[in-house]
């Protein structure tokens, strides 16, 4: 009997203008997104969007459309956990560079 491999990971990113792929795994794992926090580093309100792109598809599914983050505050765009399969992408978008940081916590589980 094979022992499943579970691995917790933490991804961080300084967002640039446009779409930012925060997480995309290309090995044979399933991933549970445990939490996501987006922080505004500036003195004015900023906006962000969060999408999921399924493997092999050019279309995205929107999880958060135009979320407003007040000055020096944070936003958790997920109300629950999200399951990602192989090659799915977790994308955070913004219109300005160096104004938002993101932290993404995931649990990867090997597929046997």
Protein backbone atom coordinates (compact mmCIF):
# COMPACT_ATOMS: atom_id res chain seq x y z
CA UNK A 1 0.00 0.00 0.00
CA UNK A 2 1.42 3.37 -1.03
CA UNK A 3 1.63 6.14 1.51
CA UNK A 4 0.11 9.38 0.19
CA UNK A 5 2.34 12.39 0.01
CA UNK A 6 0.93 15.57 1.53
CA UNK A 7 2.86 18.80 1.31
CA UNK A 8 1.95 22.25 2.59
CA UNK A 9 3.26 25.16 0.49
CA UNK A 10 3.22 28.92 0.80
CA UNK A 11 3.52 31.10 -2.30
CA UNK A 12 4.16 34.84 -2.15
CA UNK A 13 4.21 37.38 -4.96
CA UNK A 14 4.51 41.10 -5.62
CA UNK A 15 1.83 41.63 -8.25
CA UNK A 16 2.55 43.33 -11.55
CA UNK A 17 0.03 44.93 -13.89
CA UNK A 18 -2.12 42.32 -15.67
CA UNK A 19 -2.67 38.65 -14.87
CA UNK A 20 -0.31 36.99 -12.38
CA UNK A 21 -0.22 33.19 -12.19
CA UNK A 22 0.31 32.61 -8.48
CA UNK A 23 0.09 28.82 -8.58
CA UNK A 24 0.18 26.18 -11.30
CA UNK A 25 1.44 22.68 -10.62
CA UNK A 26 2.46 20.46 -13.51
CA UNK A 27 3.18 17.26 -11.63
CA UNK A 28 0.54 14.69 -10.72
CA UNK A 29 -0.93 16.28 -7.60
CA UNK A 30 -4.28 17.59 -6.52
CA UNK A 31 -4.16 20.85 -4.63
CA UNK A 32 -6.43 22.42 -2.05
CA UNK A 33 -6.12 26.19 -1.81
CA UNK A 34 -6.44 26.79 1.93
CA UNK A 35 -6.27 30.58 1.98
CA UNK A 36 -5.36 33.62 -0.06
CA UNK A 37 -4.58 37.08 1.24
CA UNK A 38 -4.05 40.12 -0.97
CA UNK A 39 -2.56 43.21 0.71
CA UNK A 40 -2.69 46.80 -0.51
CA UNK A 41 0.70 48.47 0.03
CA UNK A 42 -0.46 51.99 -0.88
CA UNK A 43 -2.37 54.94 0.57
CA UNK A 44 -5.27 54.61 -1.90
CA UNK A 45 -7.90 51.95 -2.61
CA UNK A 46 -6.84 49.32 -5.18
CA UNK A 47 -8.81 46.70 -7.11
CA UNK A 48 -8.08 43.08 -7.87
CA UNK A 49 -9.69 40.07 -9.52
CA UNK A 50 -9.11 36.36 -8.91
CA UNK A 51 -9.61 33.68 -11.55
CA UNK A 52 -9.17 29.95 -11.98
CA UNK A 53 -8.03 28.59 -15.34
CA UNK A 54 -8.72 24.91 -16.00
CA UNK A 55 -6.01 22.81 -17.63
CA UNK A 56 -6.19 22.89 -21.41
CA UNK A 57 -8.66 25.78 -21.49
CA UNK A 58 -8.03 29.39 -22.48
CA UNK A 59 -11.13 30.50 -20.55
CA UNK A 60 -11.05 31.48 -16.89
CA UNK A 61 -13.67 31.21 -14.18
CA UNK A 62 -13.93 34.30 -12.00
CA UNK A 63 -13.81 33.79 -8.24
CA UNK A 64 -13.68 37.52 -7.45
CA UNK A 65 -14.49 40.30 -9.89
CA UNK A 66 -13.20 43.77 -8.99
CA UNK A 67 -12.57 43.37 -5.30
CA UNK A 68 -11.76 46.67 -3.58
CA UNK A 69 -8.93 46.76 -1.04
CA UNK A 70 -8.76 49.90 1.11
CA UNK A 71 -5.44 51.64 1.78
CA UNK A 72 -3.02 49.49 3.80
CA UNK A 73 -5.63 46.74 4.26
CA UNK A 74 -5.91 43.10 3.20
CA UNK A 75 -8.58 41.05 1.46
CA UNK A 76 -9.24 37.32 1.61
CA UNK A 77 -11.04 36.69 -1.71
CA UNK A 78 -12.06 33.10 -0.89
CA UNK A 79 -15.02 32.20 1.30
CA UNK A 80 -13.94 28.56 1.35
CA UNK A 81 -11.40 26.14 -0.03
CA UNK A 82 -10.77 25.60 -3.76
CA UNK A 83 -9.58 22.33 -5.31
CA UNK A 84 -7.14 22.54 -8.22
CA UNK A 85 -6.25 19.64 -10.50
CA UNK A 86 -3.09 19.10 -12.53
CA UNK A 87 -2.16 22.19 -14.60
CA UNK A 88 -5.02 24.34 -13.29
CA UNK A 89 -3.87 27.91 -12.63
CA UNK A 90 -4.75 30.29 -9.80
CA UNK A 91 -4.53 33.83 -11.19
CA UNK A 92 -4.66 37.23 -9.48
CA UNK A 93 -5.02 40.35 -11.63
CA UNK A 94 -4.44 44.02 -10.94
CA UNK A 95 -4.04 47.17 -13.00
CA UNK A 96 -0.89 48.56 -11.36
CA UNK A 97 2.56 47.19 -10.58
CA UNK A 98 4.01 47.14 -7.04
CA UNK A 99 0.80 48.06 -5.25
CA UNK A 100 -0.44 44.62 -4.09
CA UNK A 101 1.18 41.57 -2.49
CA UNK A 102 -0.40 38.13 -2.35
CA UNK A 103 0.09 35.12 -0.07
CA UNK A 104 -1.38 31.76 -1.09
CA UNK A 105 -1.43 28.70 1.20
CA UNK A 106 -2.00 25.30 -0.38
CA UNK A 107 -1.98 21.61 0.47
CA UNK A 108 -0.73 19.31 -2.29
CA UNK A 109 -1.73 15.64 -2.29
CA UNK A 110 -0.02 13.10 -4.53
CA UNK A 111 -2.30 11.15 -6.87
CA UNK A 112 -1.56 7.45 -6.66
